[in-house]
Amino acid sequence: MNKENIIKDENKSIAKVLVAPMNEEANEYALEVGTNLRENNINTEVFLEDKKFKAKLKYADKLCIPYVIVIGEDEIKNKKVTLKDMVSGEQETLKVEEAAKKIKSE
């Protein structure tokens, strides 16, 4: 894939966003969010392994995935997501549609 420039040398993954549920109860909503992002033509990976949250961020960082969507209890309750920019470290809580627009604009 690198030869064909599908994956740029600096990127180790084609995913533009990693959806990271905080716990097992968040997995269902994480899958819904992942599906929504894919329907918006955003390459998305959903991390469902039972790992510590820090390990999920480290995984995204290692693969140079630019965004992580964090899903916890508050996000499920409010039907929102927390979007973390892995370069700047900034994060904000948004509706899924708003997060998709922000990811696509970068």
N, C-alpha and C. Protein backbone atom coordinates (compact mmCIF):
# COMPACT_ATOMS: atom_id res chain seq x y z
N MET A 1 0.82 -1.19 0.00
CA MET A 1 0.00 0.00 0.00
C MET A 1 0.87 1.26 0.00
N ASN A 2 2.04 1.19 0.60
CA ASN A 2 2.93 2.35 0.58
C ASN A 2 3.36 2.69 -0.84
N LYS A 3 3.65 1.66 -1.65
CA LYS A 3 4.08 1.88 -3.04
C LYS A 3 3.03 2.65 -3.82
N GLU A 4 1.77 2.35 -3.60
CA GLU A 4 0.68 2.96 -4.34
C GLU A 4 0.24 4.29 -3.74
N ASN A 5 0.93 4.74 -2.68
CA ASN A 5 0.60 5.98 -1.97
C ASN A 5 -0.78 5.96 -1.33
N ILE A 6 -1.28 4.75 -1.05
CA ILE A 6 -2.53 4.65 -0.32
C ILE A 6 -2.28 5.04 1.13
N ILE A 7 -1.15 4.57 1.66
CA ILE A 7 -0.72 4.97 3.00
C ILE A 7 0.57 5.76 2.82
N LYS A 8 0.57 6.98 3.31
CA LYS A 8 1.78 7.79 3.22
C LYS A 8 2.81 7.24 4.18
N ASP A 9 4.09 7.47 3.88
CA ASP A 9 5.17 6.94 4.71
C ASP A 9 5.02 7.30 6.18
N GLU A 10 4.58 8.53 6.47
CA GLU A 10 4.50 8.93 7.86
C GLU A 10 3.30 8.29 8.58
N ASN A 11 2.32 7.78 7.82
CA ASN A 11 1.16 7.12 8.42
C ASN A 11 1.35 5.62 8.38
N LYS A 12 1.05 4.97 9.48
CA LYS A 12 1.18 3.53 9.54
C LYS A 12 -0.19 2.87 9.48
N SER A 13 -1.23 3.66 9.35
CA SER A 13 -2.60 3.16 9.28
C SER A 13 -3.40 4.04 8.33
N ILE A 14 -4.39 3.45 7.68
CA ILE A 14 -5.25 4.27 6.82
C ILE A 14 -6.36 4.92 7.63
N ALA A 15 -6.50 4.51 8.90
CA ALA A 15 -7.55 5.09 9.75
C ALA A 15 -7.23 6.54 10.08
N LYS A 16 -8.24 7.37 10.00
CA LYS A 16 -8.09 8.78 10.37
C LYS A 16 -8.54 9.00 11.80
N VAL A 17 -9.31 8.03 12.32
CA VAL A 17 -9.82 8.14 13.69
C VAL A 17 -9.91 6.76 14.32
N LEU A 18 -9.59 6.72 15.61
CA LEU A 18 -9.74 5.51 16.42
C LEU A 18 -10.85 5.78 17.42
N VAL A 19 -11.87 4.93 17.43
CA VAL A 19 -12.95 5.05 18.41
C VAL A 19 -12.58 4.17 19.59
N ALA A 20 -12.45 4.80 20.77
CA ALA A 20 -11.97 4.09 21.96
C ALA A 20 -13.00 4.16 23.09
N PRO A 21 -13.76 3.07 23.27
CA PRO A 21 -14.69 3.05 24.40
C PRO A 21 -13.92 2.89 25.71
N MET A 22 -14.39 3.58 26.75
CA MET A 22 -13.71 3.56 28.06
C MET A 22 -13.92 2.23 28.79
N ASN A 23 -15.04 1.56 28.51
CA ASN A 23 -15.33 0.29 29.16
C ASN A 23 -16.21 -0.55 28.25
N GLU A 24 -16.46 -1.78 28.68
CA GLU A 24 -17.23 -2.72 27.87
C GLU A 24 -18.66 -2.22 27.60
N GLU A 25 -19.24 -1.51 28.56
CA GLU A 25 -20.60 -1.00 28.40
C GLU A 25 -20.68 0.02 27.25
N ALA A 26 -19.58 0.62 26.89
CA ALA A 26 -19.55 1.64 25.84
C ALA A 26 -19.34 1.04 24.44
N ASN A 27 -19.09 -0.27 24.37
CA ASN A 27 -18.79 -0.90 23.07
C ASN A 27 -19.90 -0.74 22.05
N GLU A 28 -21.15 -0.91 22.46
CA GLU A 28 -22.26 -0.82 21.51
C GLU A 28 -22.35 0.58 20.89
N TYR A 29 -22.26 1.61 21.72
CA TYR A 29 -22.29 2.99 21.21
C TYR A 29 -21.06 3.27 20.35
N ALA A 30 -19.92 2.71 20.73
CA ALA A 30 -18.69 2.88 19.94
C ALA A 30 -18.87 2.31 18.54
N LEU A 31 -19.52 1.16 18.43
CA LEU A 31 -19.78 0.57 17.12
C LEU A 31 -20.73 1.43 16.29
N GLU A 32 -21.75 2.00 16.95
CA GLU A 32 -22.68 2.91 16.26
C GLU A 32 -21.92 4.13 15.71
N VAL A 33 -21.06 4.70 16.55
CA VAL A 33 -20.27 5.87 16.14
C VAL A 33 -19.36 5.50 14.98
N GLY A 34 -18.69 4.35 15.08
CA GLY A 34 -17.81 3.89 14.01
C GLY A 34 -18.55 3.74 12.69
N THR A 35 -19.75 3.17 12.75
CA THR A 35 -20.56 3.00 11.54
C THR A 35 -20.94 4.36 10.96
N ASN A 36 -21.34 5.28 11.83
CA ASN A 36 -21.71 6.63 11.38
C ASN A 36 -20.53 7.31 10.68
N LEU A 37 -19.34 7.21 11.26
CA LEU A 37 -18.15 7.84 10.66
C LEU A 37 -17.82 7.21 9.31
N ARG A 38 -17.92 5.89 9.23
CA ARG A 38 -17.65 5.21 7.95
C ARG A 38 -18.66 5.62 6.89
N GLU A 39 -19.92 5.81 7.30
CA GLU A 39 -20.94 6.27 6.35
C GLU A 39 -20.63 7.69 5.86
N ASN A 40 -19.83 8.42 6.62
CA ASN A 40 -19.37 9.75 6.22
C ASN A 40 -18.02 9.69 5.51
N ASN A 41 -17.65 8.50 5.04
CA ASN A 41 -16.40 8.27 4.30
C ASN A 41 -15.15 8.63 5.09
N ILE A 42 -15.16 8.33 6.38
CA ILE A 42 -14.00 8.55 7.23
C ILE A 42 -13.45 7.18 7.62
N ASN A 43 -12.20 6.92 7.27
CA ASN A 43 -11.57 5.65 7.64
C ASN A 43 -11.49 5.57 9.15
N THR A 44 -12.15 4.56 9.71
CA THR A 44 -12.33 4.47 11.15
C THR A 44 -11.97 3.10 11.67
N GLU A 45 -11.31 3.07 12.81
CA GLU A 45 -11.02 1.83 13.51
C GLU A 45 -11.67 1.92 14.89
N VAL A 46 -12.33 0.84 15.30
CA VAL A 46 -12.94 0.78 16.63
C VAL A 46 -12.13 -0.19 17.47
N PHE A 47 -11.65 0.26 18.62
CA PHE A 47 -10.78 -0.51 19.50
C PHE A 47 -11.64 -1.15 20.59
N LEU A 48 -11.96 -2.44 20.43
CA LEU A 48 -12.85 -3.10 21.37
C LEU A 48 -12.12 -4.01 22.36
N GLU A 49 -10.81 -4.14 22.22
CA GLU A 49 -10.07 -4.97 23.16
C GLU A 49 -10.17 -4.41 24.56
N ASP A 50 -10.16 -5.29 25.54
CA ASP A 50 -10.25 -4.88 26.95
C ASP A 50 -8.86 -4.48 27.44
N LYS A 51 -8.47 -3.25 27.13
CA LYS A 51 -7.17 -2.71 27.52
C LYS A 51 -7.40 -1.42 28.29
N LYS A 52 -6.37 -1.00 29.02
CA LYS A 52 -6.44 0.28 29.72
C LYS A 52 -6.53 1.40 28.68
N PHE A 53 -7.15 2.51 29.07
CA PHE A 53 -7.35 3.61 28.14
C PHE A 53 -6.02 4.14 27.61
N LYS A 54 -5.03 4.21 28.49
CA LYS A 54 -3.71 4.71 28.09
C LYS A 54 -3.11 3.86 26.97
N ALA A 55 -3.36 2.55 27.02
CA ALA A 55 -2.87 1.64 25.97
C ALA A 55 -3.56 1.94 24.64
N LYS A 56 -4.82 2.34 24.70
CA LYS A 56 -5.55 2.67 23.47
C LYS A 56 -4.98 3.93 22.83
N LEU A 57 -4.66 4.92 23.65
CA LEU A 57 -4.04 6.15 23.13
C LEU A 57 -2.66 5.86 22.56
N LYS A 58 -1.91 5.01 23.25
CA LYS A 58 -0.57 4.64 22.79
C LYS A 58 -0.64 3.94 21.43
N TYR A 59 -1.65 3.09 21.27
CA TYR A 59 -1.88 2.38 20.00
C TYR A 59 -2.12 3.38 18.88
N ALA A 60 -3.00 4.36 19.12
CA ALA A 60 -3.30 5.38 18.10
C ALA A 60 -2.05 6.18 17.77
N ASP A 61 -1.28 6.52 18.79
CA ASP A 61 -0.06 7.29 18.60
C ASP A 61 0.96 6.50 17.79
N LYS A 62 1.12 5.23 18.12
CA LYS A 62 2.08 4.36 17.42
C LYS A 62 1.75 4.25 15.93
N LEU A 63 0.45 4.20 15.61
CA LEU A 63 0.03 4.08 14.21
C LEU A 63 -0.20 5.42 13.53
N CYS A 64 0.10 6.51 14.25
CA CYS A 64 -0.06 7.87 13.71
C CYS A 64 -1.49 8.16 13.28
N ILE A 65 -2.45 7.66 14.05
CA ILE A 65 -3.86 7.97 13.80
C ILE A 65 -4.11 9.35 14.40
N PRO A 66 -4.53 10.32 13.58
CA PRO A 66 -4.58 11.71 14.05
C PRO A 66 -5.66 12.04 15.09
N TYR A 67 -6.75 11.25 15.14
CA TYR A 67 -7.82 11.55 16.08
C TYR A 67 -8.24 10.30 16.85
N VAL A 68 -8.63 10.52 18.11
CA VAL A 68 -9.23 9.46 18.91
C VAL A 68 -10.58 9.98 19.40
N ILE A 69 -11.59 9.17 19.23
CA ILE A 69 -12.91 9.49 19.79
C ILE A 69 -13.06 8.66 21.05
N VAL A 70 -13.26 9.36 22.15
CA VAL A 70 -13.39 8.74 23.47
C VAL A 70 -14.88 8.61 23.78
N ILE A 71 -15.26 7.40 24.22
CA ILE A 71 -16.65 7.18 24.57
C ILE A 71 -16.72 6.59 25.98
N GLY A 72 -17.35 7.34 26.86
CA GLY A 72 -17.55 6.91 28.23
C GLY A 72 -19.00 7.07 28.62
N GLU A 73 -19.26 7.01 29.89
CA GLU A 73 -20.62 7.08 30.42
C GLU A 73 -21.33 8.39 30.04
N ASP A 74 -20.64 9.52 30.20
CA ASP A 74 -21.25 10.82 29.88
C ASP A 74 -21.57 10.95 28.39
N GLU A 75 -20.66 10.46 27.56
CA GLU A 75 -20.88 10.55 26.11
C GLU A 75 -22.10 9.73 25.70
N ILE A 76 -22.24 8.54 26.28
CA ILE A 76 -23.40 7.70 25.96
C ILE A 76 -24.68 8.39 26.41
N LYS A 77 -24.69 8.89 27.63
CA LYS A 77 -25.87 9.53 28.20
C LYS A 77 -26.30 10.74 27.37
N ASN A 78 -25.34 11.52 26.88
CA ASN A 78 -25.63 12.74 26.13
C ASN A 78 -25.63 12.54 24.62
N LYS A 79 -25.40 11.29 24.18
CA LYS A 79 -25.32 10.97 22.74
C LYS A 79 -24.32 11.87 22.03
N LYS A 80 -23.14 12.01 22.64
CA LYS A 80 -22.05 12.81 22.07
C LYS A 80 -20.77 11.99 22.09
N VAL A 81 -19.68 12.58 21.64
CA VAL A 81 -18.36 11.94 21.67
C VAL A 81 -17.34 12.99 22.11
N THR A 82 -16.24 12.54 22.66
CA THR A 82 -15.13 13.44 22.94
C THR A 82 -14.07 13.18 21.89
N LEU A 83 -13.76 14.21 21.12
CA LEU A 83 -12.79 14.12 20.03
C LEU A 83 -11.46 14.66 20.51
N LYS A 84 -10.43 13.82 20.47
CA LYS A 84 -9.09 14.21 20.91
C LYS A 84 -8.18 14.29 19.69
N ASP A 85 -7.56 15.44 19.51
CA ASP A 85 -6.57 15.66 18.46
C ASP A 85 -5.24 15.13 19.00
N MET A 86 -4.70 14.11 18.37
CA MET A 86 -3.50 13.46 18.89
C MET A 86 -2.24 14.30 18.68
N VAL A 87 -2.30 15.29 17.80
CA VAL A 87 -1.14 16.14 17.57
C VAL A 87 -1.09 17.26 18.60
N SER A 88 -2.20 17.99 18.73
CA SER A 88 -2.23 19.13 19.65
C SER A 88 -2.56 18.72 21.09
N GLY A 89 -3.21 17.57 21.24
CA GLY A 89 -3.63 17.13 22.56
C GLY A 89 -4.96 17.73 22.99
N GLU A 90 -5.51 18.65 22.19
CA GLU A 90 -6.78 19.28 22.52
C GLU A 90 -7.92 18.29 22.35
N GLN A 91 -8.94 18.46 23.19
CA GLN A 91 -10.13 17.62 23.03
C GLN A 91 -11.38 18.41 23.34
N GLU A 92 -12.47 18.01 22.68
CA GLU A 92 -13.74 18.68 22.89
C GLU A 92 -14.87 17.67 22.72
N THR A 93 -15.96 17.93 23.42
CA THR A 93 -17.13 17.06 23.35
C THR A 93 -18.09 17.64 22.31
N LEU A 94 -18.48 16.77 21.35
CA LEU A 94 -19.29 17.19 20.21
C LEU A 94 -20.34 16.14 19.89
N LYS A 95 -21.32 16.54 19.08
CA LYS A 95 -22.23 15.57 18.48
C LYS A 95 -21.41 14.79 17.45
N VAL A 96 -21.84 13.58 17.14
CA VAL A 96 -21.11 12.74 16.20
C VAL A 96 -20.96 13.44 14.85
N GLU A 97 -22.02 14.10 14.40
CA GLU A 97 -22.00 14.80 13.10
C GLU A 97 -20.96 15.93 13.11
N GLU A 98 -20.87 16.64 14.23
CA GLU A 98 -19.90 17.73 14.34
C GLU A 98 -18.46 17.19 14.34
N ALA A 99 -18.27 16.07 15.01
CA ALA A 99 -16.95 15.44 15.03
C ALA A 99 -16.57 14.99 13.63
N ALA A 100 -17.52 14.42 12.90
CA ALA A 100 -17.25 13.97 11.54
C ALA A 100 -16.83 15.14 10.65
N LYS A 101 -17.55 16.26 10.77
CA LYS A 101 -17.20 17.45 9.97
C LYS A 101 -15.79 17.93 10.30
N LYS A 102 -15.46 17.95 11.58
CA LYS A 102 -14.14 18.43 12.00
C LYS A 102 -13.04 17.50 11.47
N ILE A 103 -13.25 16.20 11.55
CA ILE A 103 -12.27 15.23 11.05
C ILE A 103 -12.10 15.38 9.56
N LYS A 104 -13.20 15.51 8.83
CA LYS A 104 -13.14 15.63 7.37
C LYS A 104 -12.46 16.92 6.93
N SER A 105 -12.57 17.99 7.73
CA SER A 105 -12.01 19.28 7.33
C SER A 105 -10.49 19.30 7.49
N GLU A 106 -9.94 18.38 8.23
CA GLU A 106 -8.48 18.36 8.45
C GLU A 106 -7.78 17.63 7.34
